[in-house]
């Protein structure tokens, strides 16, 4: 399995796309003249899953099978590839909670969509939490704690259920091979548009959490902002 460490221009292209779920993106791209599919973490680590030849589907059993195939491939031998030019023309394959018609496809390759979604405009400031395998997390401004557009987090009510990085991976059904032990906090202002969704089982994880999707960038109201904290891994 090929793993690419992406450079600045590639990372910037991925910043312009929403996440599929908290901390990861499933994308299609052009690489050396061919279409390729990647699982991307933190907009910088791209795992080539093209050889799996996953077909988009609406069938839940097939989705779960696709996800297990991705996980099995990640457990195999990896080869870090340094190549130029890098992949380009990224397109998001799916996002689990979305109000963006051009992003939400008719069928998913992996990461089943939420079966229960609620779109709201916040009536007051609210605290949200993001659990990540990375510090720095490229979707969080290190100076202000602001979120870039298309970022996932979780409401305050989820914190008691996420005491560790492993618990975060399970509750938010992440395809991580690292625990999501870095904890980021943002205070979103009233008027912010948020889409809430329930996390369906995915990637051999139970799910069951509540995730929050911010279509637009979010300006952190905490002054000074809360720096990221470290959860125990397990």
Foldseek 3Di string as FASTA:
>chain_A
DEKEFDDDVQLVVVLVDADQFFFWFWKWWAAPNDIWIWIDGLSTITDTPRVVVQDFDPDPVSQQVLLQVVLVVVPDDYDYDDDPPGTDDIATQHHQWDPDVVRHDPTHRYFHHFPDKDKDFAQFKFKWKGFALDVVRNQADQQARKGAANHKTAGPVCVVQPQAQVSVCQQQVHLDPAGRFKMGMATFGGRFIKMKGFGPHGSPHHHGGIMITGRHIGGGPDVRGDGIDGGHHD
